[in-house]
N, C-alpha and C. Protein backbone atom coordinates (compact mmCIF):
# COMPACT_ATOMS: atom_id res chain seq x y z
N UNK A 1 0.82 -1.18 0.00
CA UNK A 1 0.00 0.00 0.00
C UNK A 1 0.87 1.25 0.00
N UNK A 2 1.94 1.24 0.75
CA UNK A 2 2.82 2.40 0.79
C UNK A 2 3.49 2.63 -0.56
N UNK A 3 3.73 1.55 -1.29
CA UNK A 3 4.41 1.68 -2.57
C UNK A 3 3.55 2.43 -3.58
N UNK A 4 2.23 2.23 -3.51
CA UNK A 4 1.33 2.91 -4.43
C UNK A 4 1.29 4.40 -4.16
N UNK A 5 1.41 4.78 -2.93
CA UNK A 5 1.33 6.19 -2.58
C UNK A 5 2.60 6.93 -2.98
N UNK A 6 3.76 6.29 -2.83
CA UNK A 6 5.01 6.97 -3.14
C UNK A 6 5.40 6.87 -4.60
N UNK A 7 4.81 5.95 -5.34
CA UNK A 7 5.11 5.81 -6.76
C UNK A 7 6.25 4.85 -7.03
N UNK A 8 6.78 4.20 -6.02
CA UNK A 8 7.87 3.24 -6.22
C UNK A 8 7.27 1.89 -6.56
N UNK A 9 8.05 1.09 -7.28
CA UNK A 9 7.60 -0.25 -7.61
C UNK A 9 8.22 -1.23 -6.64
N UNK A 10 7.53 -2.30 -6.42
CA UNK A 10 8.05 -3.33 -5.53
C UNK A 10 9.14 -4.12 -6.25
N UNK A 11 10.09 -4.62 -5.50
CA UNK A 11 11.19 -5.41 -6.07
C UNK A 11 10.63 -6.73 -6.58
N UNK A 12 11.19 -7.28 -7.65
CA UNK A 12 10.70 -8.56 -8.16
C UNK A 12 10.87 -9.66 -7.12
N UNK A 13 10.04 -10.70 -7.24
CA UNK A 13 10.04 -11.76 -6.24
C UNK A 13 11.36 -12.52 -6.22
N UNK A 14 11.96 -12.75 -7.35
CA UNK A 14 13.20 -13.50 -7.40
C UNK A 14 13.91 -13.23 -8.72
N UNK A 15 15.06 -13.83 -8.91
CA UNK A 15 15.79 -13.62 -10.16
C UNK A 15 15.03 -14.24 -11.34
N UNK A 16 15.17 -13.61 -12.50
CA UNK A 16 14.48 -14.05 -13.72
C UNK A 16 15.46 -14.88 -14.55
N UNK A 17 15.04 -16.08 -14.94
CA UNK A 17 15.89 -16.90 -15.80
C UNK A 17 15.86 -16.38 -17.23
N UNK A 18 16.90 -16.66 -17.97
CA UNK A 18 17.01 -16.25 -19.37
C UNK A 18 15.88 -16.89 -20.18
N UNK A 19 15.31 -16.12 -21.13
CA UNK A 19 14.18 -16.64 -21.90
C UNK A 19 14.61 -17.72 -22.89
N UNK A 20 15.92 -17.86 -23.14
CA UNK A 20 16.42 -18.90 -24.04
C UNK A 20 16.70 -20.20 -23.30
N UNK A 21 16.38 -20.26 -22.00
CA UNK A 21 16.58 -21.44 -21.17
C UNK A 21 18.02 -21.94 -21.20
N UNK A 22 18.97 -21.01 -21.11
CA UNK A 22 20.37 -21.43 -21.09
C UNK A 22 20.84 -21.70 -19.67
N UNK A 23 20.06 -21.35 -18.67
CA UNK A 23 20.42 -21.64 -17.29
C UNK A 23 20.95 -20.43 -16.54
N UNK A 24 21.23 -19.34 -17.22
CA UNK A 24 21.72 -18.14 -16.56
C UNK A 24 20.56 -17.19 -16.30
N UNK A 25 20.83 -16.15 -15.52
CA UNK A 25 19.79 -15.21 -15.17
C UNK A 25 19.79 -14.04 -16.15
N UNK A 26 18.60 -13.58 -16.48
CA UNK A 26 18.44 -12.45 -17.38
C UNK A 26 18.06 -11.20 -16.62
N UNK A 27 18.01 -10.10 -17.34
CA UNK A 27 17.60 -8.84 -16.73
C UNK A 27 16.68 -8.12 -17.69
N UNK A 28 15.84 -7.24 -17.16
CA UNK A 28 14.94 -6.49 -18.04
C UNK A 28 15.69 -5.59 -19.04
N UNK A 29 16.89 -5.16 -18.68
CA UNK A 29 17.67 -4.31 -19.58
C UNK A 29 18.09 -5.06 -20.83
N UNK A 30 18.25 -6.38 -20.72
CA UNK A 30 18.64 -7.19 -21.87
C UNK A 30 17.48 -8.05 -22.38
N UNK A 31 16.27 -7.55 -22.22
CA UNK A 31 15.05 -8.22 -22.66
C UNK A 31 14.91 -9.62 -22.05
N UNK A 32 15.16 -9.72 -20.76
CA UNK A 32 15.07 -10.96 -19.98
C UNK A 32 15.97 -12.07 -20.52
N UNK A 33 17.11 -11.68 -21.09
CA UNK A 33 18.11 -12.64 -21.56
C UNK A 33 19.38 -12.43 -20.76
N UNK A 34 20.20 -13.47 -20.72
CA UNK A 34 21.51 -13.31 -20.10
C UNK A 34 22.37 -12.50 -21.05
N UNK A 35 23.52 -12.05 -20.59
CA UNK A 35 24.36 -11.18 -21.40
C UNK A 35 24.86 -11.88 -22.66
N UNK A 36 25.19 -13.17 -22.57
CA UNK A 36 25.70 -13.90 -23.73
C UNK A 36 24.62 -14.06 -24.79
N UNK A 37 23.42 -14.45 -24.40
CA UNK A 37 22.33 -14.61 -25.36
C UNK A 37 21.95 -13.27 -25.99
N UNK A 38 21.97 -12.21 -25.20
CA UNK A 38 21.65 -10.88 -25.72
C UNK A 38 22.69 -10.44 -26.73
N UNK A 39 23.96 -10.69 -26.43
CA UNK A 39 25.03 -10.33 -27.34
C UNK A 39 24.92 -11.12 -28.64
N UNK A 40 24.62 -12.42 -28.54
CA UNK A 40 24.44 -13.25 -29.72
C UNK A 40 23.27 -12.77 -30.57
N UNK A 41 22.18 -12.36 -29.92
CA UNK A 41 21.02 -11.88 -30.65
C UNK A 41 21.35 -10.59 -31.39
N UNK A 42 22.08 -9.67 -30.75
CA UNK A 42 22.46 -8.43 -31.40
C UNK A 42 23.40 -8.70 -32.58
N UNK A 43 24.30 -9.65 -32.43
CA UNK A 43 25.22 -10.01 -33.50
C UNK A 43 24.46 -10.59 -34.69
N UNK A 44 23.48 -11.44 -34.43
CA UNK A 44 22.67 -12.03 -35.51
C UNK A 44 21.86 -10.96 -36.23
N UNK A 45 21.33 -10.01 -35.49
CA UNK A 45 20.57 -8.94 -36.11
C UNK A 45 21.47 -8.09 -37.01
N UNK A 46 22.69 -7.82 -36.54
CA UNK A 46 23.63 -7.03 -37.33
C UNK A 46 24.03 -7.77 -38.60
N UNK A 47 24.26 -9.08 -38.49
CA UNK A 47 24.60 -9.88 -39.67
C UNK A 47 23.44 -9.91 -40.65
N UNK A 48 22.23 -9.97 -40.14
CA UNK A 48 21.06 -9.98 -41.02
C UNK A 48 20.94 -8.66 -41.77
N UNK A 49 21.22 -7.55 -41.09
CA UNK A 49 21.17 -6.25 -41.75
C UNK A 49 22.23 -6.16 -42.84
N UNK A 50 23.45 -6.64 -42.55
CA UNK A 50 24.52 -6.61 -43.54
C UNK A 50 24.19 -7.49 -44.73
N UNK A 51 23.64 -8.66 -44.46
CA UNK A 51 23.28 -9.57 -45.55
C UNK A 51 22.17 -8.97 -46.39
N UNK A 52 21.20 -8.35 -45.74
CA UNK A 52 20.10 -7.74 -46.49
C UNK A 52 20.61 -6.60 -47.36
N UNK A 53 21.54 -5.81 -46.85
CA UNK A 53 22.07 -4.70 -47.64
C UNK A 53 22.93 -5.21 -48.79
N UNK A 54 23.68 -6.31 -48.58
CA UNK A 54 24.48 -6.85 -49.68
C UNK A 54 23.61 -7.48 -50.74
N UNK A 55 22.51 -8.11 -50.34
CA UNK A 55 21.58 -8.68 -51.31
C UNK A 55 20.89 -7.56 -52.08
N UNK A 56 20.54 -6.48 -51.40
CA UNK A 56 19.92 -5.35 -52.07
C UNK A 56 20.88 -4.74 -53.08
N UNK A 57 22.16 -4.65 -52.73
CA UNK A 57 23.16 -4.13 -53.66
C UNK A 57 23.31 -5.05 -54.86
N UNK A 58 23.25 -6.35 -54.63
CA UNK A 58 23.39 -7.32 -55.72
C UNK A 58 22.18 -7.25 -56.65
N UNK A 59 21.00 -7.07 -56.09
CA UNK A 59 19.79 -6.98 -56.91
C UNK A 59 19.75 -5.69 -57.71
N UNK A 60 20.33 -4.62 -57.18
CA UNK A 60 20.33 -3.34 -57.87
C UNK A 60 21.36 -3.28 -58.98
N UNK A 61 22.15 -4.32 -59.14
CA UNK A 61 23.15 -4.34 -60.21
C UNK A 61 24.40 -3.59 -59.85
N UNK A 62 24.77 -3.59 -58.62
CA UNK A 62 25.98 -2.91 -58.19
C UNK A 62 27.18 -3.56 -58.84
N UNK A 63 28.13 -2.76 -59.30
CA UNK A 63 29.31 -3.29 -59.97
C UNK A 63 30.42 -3.62 -58.99
N UNK A 64 30.16 -3.53 -57.70
CA UNK A 64 31.18 -3.82 -56.70
C UNK A 64 31.46 -5.29 -56.55
N UNK A 65 30.50 -6.16 -56.88
CA UNK A 65 30.69 -7.58 -56.69
C UNK A 65 31.20 -8.20 -57.97
N UNK A 66 32.01 -9.24 -57.85
CA UNK A 66 32.57 -9.96 -58.98
C UNK A 66 31.54 -11.00 -59.42
N UNK A 67 31.47 -11.24 -60.71
CA UNK A 67 30.50 -12.19 -61.23
C UNK A 67 30.81 -13.58 -60.71
N UNK A 68 29.78 -14.37 -60.51
CA UNK A 68 29.85 -15.74 -59.99
C UNK A 68 30.43 -15.81 -58.59
N UNK A 69 30.40 -14.73 -57.86
CA UNK A 69 30.88 -14.73 -56.48
C UNK A 69 29.74 -15.18 -55.59
N UNK A 70 29.97 -16.13 -54.68
CA UNK A 70 28.89 -16.56 -53.82
C UNK A 70 28.52 -15.47 -52.83
N UNK A 71 27.24 -15.25 -52.69
CA UNK A 71 26.72 -14.26 -51.75
C UNK A 71 25.98 -15.01 -50.67
N UNK A 72 26.30 -14.74 -49.42
CA UNK A 72 25.67 -15.44 -48.31
C UNK A 72 24.43 -14.67 -47.88
N UNK A 73 23.32 -15.35 -47.82
CA UNK A 73 22.08 -14.75 -47.35
C UNK A 73 21.73 -15.39 -46.02
N UNK A 74 21.48 -14.56 -45.02
CA UNK A 74 21.20 -15.06 -43.69
C UNK A 74 19.82 -14.61 -43.29
N UNK A 75 18.98 -15.54 -42.87
CA UNK A 75 17.67 -15.17 -42.33
C UNK A 75 17.66 -15.55 -40.85
N UNK A 76 17.25 -14.59 -40.02
CA UNK A 76 17.32 -14.78 -38.59
C UNK A 76 15.91 -14.75 -38.01
N UNK A 77 15.60 -15.72 -37.18
CA UNK A 77 14.33 -15.74 -36.47
C UNK A 77 14.67 -15.59 -34.99
N UNK A 78 14.34 -14.43 -34.40
CA UNK A 78 14.76 -14.15 -33.03
C UNK A 78 14.02 -14.99 -32.00
N UNK A 79 12.82 -15.44 -32.32
CA UNK A 79 12.07 -16.24 -31.35
C UNK A 79 12.68 -17.62 -31.20
N UNK A 80 13.11 -18.22 -32.31
CA UNK A 80 13.62 -19.58 -32.24
C UNK A 80 15.15 -19.64 -32.21
N UNK A 81 15.82 -18.50 -32.45
CA UNK A 81 17.28 -18.43 -32.51
C UNK A 81 17.85 -19.44 -33.49
N UNK A 82 17.29 -19.51 -34.68
CA UNK A 82 17.83 -20.37 -35.71
C UNK A 82 18.37 -19.50 -36.83
N UNK A 83 19.44 -19.95 -37.42
CA UNK A 83 20.07 -19.22 -38.50
C UNK A 83 20.16 -20.14 -39.70
N UNK A 84 19.65 -19.70 -40.83
CA UNK A 84 19.74 -20.47 -42.05
C UNK A 84 20.70 -19.76 -42.98
N UNK A 85 21.67 -20.47 -43.52
CA UNK A 85 22.66 -19.90 -44.40
C UNK A 85 22.45 -20.46 -45.80
N UNK A 86 22.25 -19.58 -46.75
CA UNK A 86 22.03 -19.98 -48.13
C UNK A 86 23.13 -19.37 -48.98
N UNK A 87 23.61 -20.11 -49.96
CA UNK A 87 24.61 -19.60 -50.88
C UNK A 87 23.94 -19.39 -52.23
N UNK A 88 24.06 -18.17 -52.72
CA UNK A 88 23.43 -17.81 -53.98
C UNK A 88 24.55 -17.42 -54.94
N UNK A 89 24.57 -18.00 -56.14
CA UNK A 89 25.56 -17.64 -57.13
C UNK A 89 24.97 -16.57 -58.04
N UNK A 90 25.68 -15.47 -58.13
CA UNK A 90 25.22 -14.33 -58.89
C UNK A 90 25.68 -14.50 -60.34
N UNK A 91 24.78 -14.34 -61.29
CA UNK A 91 25.09 -14.47 -62.70
C UNK A 91 25.55 -13.12 -63.22
N UNK A 92 26.50 -13.10 -64.17
CA UNK A 92 26.94 -11.82 -64.72
C UNK A 92 25.81 -11.15 -65.50
N UNK A 93 25.76 -9.82 -65.41
CA UNK A 93 24.69 -9.07 -66.05
C UNK A 93 24.84 -9.10 -67.57
N UNK A 94 26.05 -9.09 -68.06
CA UNK A 94 26.25 -9.08 -69.51
C UNK A 94 27.18 -10.23 -69.85
N UNK A 95 26.73 -11.11 -70.77
CA UNK A 95 27.47 -12.32 -71.09
C UNK A 95 28.61 -12.07 -72.07
N UNK A 96 28.65 -10.91 -72.73
CA UNK A 96 29.66 -10.67 -73.74
C UNK A 96 31.02 -10.33 -73.15
N UNK A 97 31.08 -9.91 -71.88
CA UNK A 97 32.34 -9.55 -71.25
C UNK A 97 32.93 -10.77 -70.58
N UNK A 98 34.12 -11.22 -71.02
CA UNK A 98 34.72 -12.38 -70.36
C UNK A 98 35.29 -11.98 -69.00
N UNK A 99 35.13 -12.85 -68.04
CA UNK A 99 35.62 -12.59 -66.70
C UNK A 99 36.87 -13.43 -66.49
N UNK A 100 37.98 -12.76 -66.21
CA UNK A 100 39.24 -13.46 -66.00
C UNK A 100 39.38 -13.80 -64.53
N UNK A 101 39.70 -15.04 -64.26
CA UNK A 101 39.91 -15.46 -62.88
C UNK A 101 41.39 -15.35 -62.57
N UNK A 102 41.68 -14.75 -61.44
CA UNK A 102 43.07 -14.56 -61.02
C UNK A 102 43.38 -15.61 -59.98
N UNK A 103 44.36 -16.45 -60.27
CA UNK A 103 44.76 -17.48 -59.33
C UNK A 103 46.07 -17.07 -58.68
N UNK A 104 46.11 -17.15 -57.36
CA UNK A 104 47.35 -16.84 -56.65
C UNK A 104 48.28 -18.04 -56.74
N UNK A 105 49.55 -17.79 -56.98
CA UNK A 105 50.48 -18.91 -56.94
C UNK A 105 50.61 -19.41 -55.51
N UNK A 106 50.80 -20.70 -55.38
CA UNK A 106 50.90 -21.28 -54.04
C UNK A 106 52.17 -20.77 -53.38
N UNK A 107 51.97 -20.17 -52.20
CA UNK A 107 53.11 -19.63 -51.47
C UNK A 107 53.72 -20.71 -50.61
N UNK A 108 55.00 -20.94 -50.81
CA UNK A 108 55.71 -21.92 -50.02
C UNK A 108 56.18 -21.31 -48.72
N UNK A 109 57.00 -22.01 -48.00
CA UNK A 109 57.52 -21.46 -46.75
C UNK A 109 58.47 -20.30 -47.04
N UNK A 110 58.48 -19.32 -46.14
CA UNK A 110 59.34 -18.15 -46.31
C UNK A 110 60.78 -18.57 -46.09
N UNK A 111 61.65 -18.20 -47.02
CA UNK A 111 63.06 -18.59 -46.96
C UNK A 111 63.96 -17.38 -47.09
N UNK A 112 65.17 -17.51 -46.54
CA UNK A 112 66.19 -16.48 -46.65
C UNK A 112 66.64 -16.40 -48.10
N UNK A 113 66.82 -15.18 -48.63
CA UNK A 113 67.21 -15.02 -50.02
C UNK A 113 68.67 -15.37 -50.26
N UNK A 114 69.49 -15.38 -49.22
CA UNK A 114 70.90 -15.72 -49.39
C UNK A 114 71.17 -17.20 -49.22
N UNK A 115 70.77 -17.77 -48.09
CA UNK A 115 71.12 -19.17 -47.78
C UNK A 115 69.96 -20.13 -47.95
N UNK A 116 68.79 -19.64 -48.32
CA UNK A 116 67.58 -20.45 -48.54
C UNK A 116 67.11 -21.19 -47.29
N UNK A 117 67.51 -20.73 -46.13
CA UNK A 117 67.07 -21.32 -44.87
C UNK A 117 65.64 -20.88 -44.58
N UNK A 118 64.81 -21.79 -44.04
CA UNK A 118 63.43 -21.45 -43.70
C UNK A 118 63.43 -20.46 -42.53
N UNK A 119 62.72 -19.34 -42.69
CA UNK A 119 62.69 -18.34 -41.63
C UNK A 119 61.30 -18.20 -41.03
N UNK A 120 60.25 -18.54 -41.75
CA UNK A 120 58.90 -18.45 -41.19
C UNK A 120 58.54 -17.02 -40.82
N UNK A 121 58.06 -16.84 -39.60
CA UNK A 121 57.64 -15.52 -39.14
C UNK A 121 58.80 -14.69 -38.61
N UNK A 122 59.96 -15.31 -38.40
CA UNK A 122 61.10 -14.58 -37.82
C UNK A 122 61.99 -13.96 -38.88
N UNK A 123 61.58 -13.96 -40.14
CA UNK A 123 62.39 -13.38 -41.20
C UNK A 123 62.43 -11.87 -41.12
N UNK A 124 63.55 -11.31 -41.57
CA UNK A 124 63.75 -9.86 -41.58
C UNK A 124 63.62 -9.37 -43.01
N UNK A 125 62.74 -8.41 -43.25
CA UNK A 125 62.61 -7.87 -44.60
C UNK A 125 63.52 -6.67 -44.73
N UNK A 126 64.25 -6.64 -45.84
CA UNK A 126 65.23 -5.59 -46.10
C UNK A 126 64.60 -4.54 -46.99
N UNK A 127 65.25 -3.39 -47.12
CA UNK A 127 64.75 -2.34 -48.00
C UNK A 127 64.87 -2.72 -49.46
N UNK A 128 65.69 -3.70 -49.77
CA UNK A 128 65.81 -4.15 -51.16
C UNK A 128 64.61 -5.01 -51.55
N UNK A 129 63.78 -5.41 -50.58
CA UNK A 129 62.56 -6.14 -50.88
C UNK A 129 62.64 -7.63 -50.62
N UNK A 130 63.77 -8.12 -50.19
CA UNK A 130 63.94 -9.55 -49.92
C UNK A 130 63.82 -9.84 -48.43
N UNK A 131 63.66 -11.12 -48.10
CA UNK A 131 63.57 -11.55 -46.71
C UNK A 131 64.82 -12.36 -46.39
N UNK A 132 65.36 -12.12 -45.19
CA UNK A 132 66.62 -12.76 -44.80
C UNK A 132 66.52 -13.34 -43.39
N UNK A 133 67.43 -14.28 -43.10
CA UNK A 133 67.51 -14.88 -41.77
C UNK A 133 68.29 -13.96 -40.84
N UNK A 134 68.51 -14.38 -39.63
CA UNK A 134 69.20 -13.57 -38.64
C UNK A 134 70.64 -13.25 -39.00
N UNK A 135 71.33 -14.17 -39.68
CA UNK A 135 72.73 -13.92 -40.04
C UNK A 135 72.86 -13.01 -41.25
N UNK A 136 71.93 -13.03 -42.17
CA UNK A 136 72.02 -12.24 -43.39
C UNK A 136 71.14 -11.00 -43.37
N UNK A 137 70.65 -10.60 -42.21
CA UNK A 137 69.71 -9.48 -42.18
C UNK A 137 70.38 -8.13 -42.42
N UNK A 138 71.65 -7.99 -42.14
CA UNK A 138 72.34 -6.72 -42.34
C UNK A 138 72.75 -6.57 -43.80
N UNK A 139 72.78 -5.33 -44.27
CA UNK A 139 73.01 -5.07 -45.69
C UNK A 139 74.40 -5.51 -46.16
N UNK A 140 75.41 -5.47 -45.29
CA UNK A 140 76.75 -5.90 -45.70
C UNK A 140 76.88 -7.42 -45.75
N UNK A 141 75.96 -8.15 -45.15
CA UNK A 141 76.02 -9.61 -45.14
C UNK A 141 75.35 -10.24 -46.35
N UNK A 142 74.47 -9.51 -47.03
CA UNK A 142 73.82 -10.10 -48.20
C UNK A 142 74.00 -9.28 -49.47
N UNK A 143 74.98 -8.41 -49.48
CA UNK A 143 75.28 -7.58 -50.66
C UNK A 143 74.03 -6.88 -51.17
N UNK A 144 73.48 -6.04 -50.33
CA UNK A 144 72.21 -5.36 -50.62
C UNK A 144 72.42 -4.32 -51.73
N UNK A 145 71.57 -4.34 -52.76
CA UNK A 145 71.70 -3.35 -53.85
C UNK A 145 71.05 -2.00 -53.52
N UNK A 146 70.39 -1.89 -52.36
CA UNK A 146 69.71 -0.65 -52.00
C UNK A 146 70.75 0.41 -51.67
N UNK A 147 70.54 1.63 -52.19
CA UNK A 147 71.49 2.73 -51.97
C UNK A 147 71.07 3.51 -50.73
N UNK A 148 71.65 3.13 -49.61
CA UNK A 148 71.31 3.77 -48.34
C UNK A 148 71.80 5.22 -48.28
N UNK A 149 72.92 5.50 -48.91
CA UNK A 149 73.50 6.85 -48.85
C UNK A 149 72.59 7.87 -49.52
N UNK A 150 72.12 7.58 -50.72
CA UNK A 150 71.25 8.55 -51.40
C UNK A 150 69.89 8.64 -50.72
N UNK A 151 69.39 7.51 -50.16
CA UNK A 151 68.13 7.56 -49.43
C UNK A 151 68.23 8.43 -48.20
N UNK A 152 69.37 8.35 -47.50
CA UNK A 152 69.59 9.18 -46.32
C UNK A 152 69.71 10.65 -46.71
N UNK A 153 70.42 10.92 -47.81
CA UNK A 153 70.56 12.31 -48.27
C UNK A 153 69.20 12.91 -48.62
N UNK A 154 68.37 12.14 -49.30
CA UNK A 154 67.04 12.63 -49.67
C UNK A 154 66.18 12.86 -48.43
N UNK A 155 66.27 11.98 -47.44
CA UNK A 155 65.49 12.15 -46.22
C UNK A 155 65.93 13.40 -45.45
N UNK A 156 67.23 13.65 -45.40
CA UNK A 156 67.74 14.85 -44.71
C UNK A 156 67.33 16.10 -45.48
N UNK A 157 67.38 16.04 -46.80
CA UNK A 157 67.00 17.20 -47.60
C UNK A 157 65.52 17.52 -47.44
N UNK A 158 64.68 16.49 -47.31
CA UNK A 158 63.26 16.73 -47.09
C UNK A 158 62.99 17.29 -45.71
N UNK A 159 63.70 16.76 -44.71
CA UNK A 159 63.45 17.17 -43.33
C UNK A 159 64.00 18.57 -43.04
N UNK A 160 65.06 18.96 -43.73
CA UNK A 160 65.71 20.25 -43.46
C UNK A 160 65.76 21.09 -44.73
N UNK A 161 64.70 21.78 -45.05
CA UNK A 161 64.73 22.60 -46.26
C UNK A 161 65.68 23.80 -46.07
N UNK A 162 66.23 24.26 -47.19
CA UNK A 162 67.15 25.39 -47.16
C UNK A 162 66.34 26.67 -46.95
N UNK A 163 66.77 27.45 -45.97
CA UNK A 163 66.08 28.70 -45.66
C UNK A 163 67.01 29.83 -46.04
N UNK A 164 66.54 30.69 -46.95
CA UNK A 164 67.34 31.83 -47.38
C UNK A 164 66.66 33.10 -46.90
N UNK A 165 67.45 34.02 -46.42
CA UNK A 165 66.91 35.29 -45.97
C UNK A 165 66.62 36.16 -47.17
N UNK A 166 65.65 37.05 -47.01
CA UNK A 166 65.33 37.96 -48.11
C UNK A 166 66.44 38.98 -48.28
N UNK A 167 66.62 39.38 -49.52
CA UNK A 167 67.66 40.37 -49.81
C UNK A 167 67.23 41.74 -49.27
N UNK A 168 68.11 42.39 -48.58
CA UNK A 168 67.84 43.71 -48.05
C UNK A 168 68.67 44.75 -48.80
N UNK A 169 68.08 45.86 -49.02
CA UNK A 169 68.81 46.95 -49.67
C UNK A 169 69.69 47.60 -48.62
N UNK A 170 70.96 47.78 -48.98
CA UNK A 170 71.89 48.47 -48.06
C UNK A 170 71.76 49.96 -48.25
N UNK A 171 71.89 50.69 -47.17
CA UNK A 171 71.76 52.14 -47.22
C UNK A 171 73.12 52.76 -47.35
């Protein structure tokens, strides 16, 4: 009775379980879901919006997508928390233009350019554009063709421009 007069609400009887029945407690701020379920729901909604916008761009004939590129369409049902993933192959708008496929050459393990030793992620890249091991990383150890002297001169010239005073008339 006192609560009605003051305008305050009574505290809930007990903790509210998550509406997805995951076993954790939910809160009204997260629509009676636990934080993990709420975060997953927001992520699914965001993915659905992105998928819908990409499908809309594909239907409008946007030239940003490559022909025959698979487009993923995601439909989200928030009540059941199910996600269906469909792959749609987009047909080229004009058949007269040939589409060239670019294949990347298979990249082998990273090796030192001097001794051909496998370096992996610990390789040192030089200014000449090659990758070297720990022993050949210095320019004098691998006969580097990069001209450090002229590069340094150009950097100093850029950093320190020549300042000339204006000519004054002598009286």
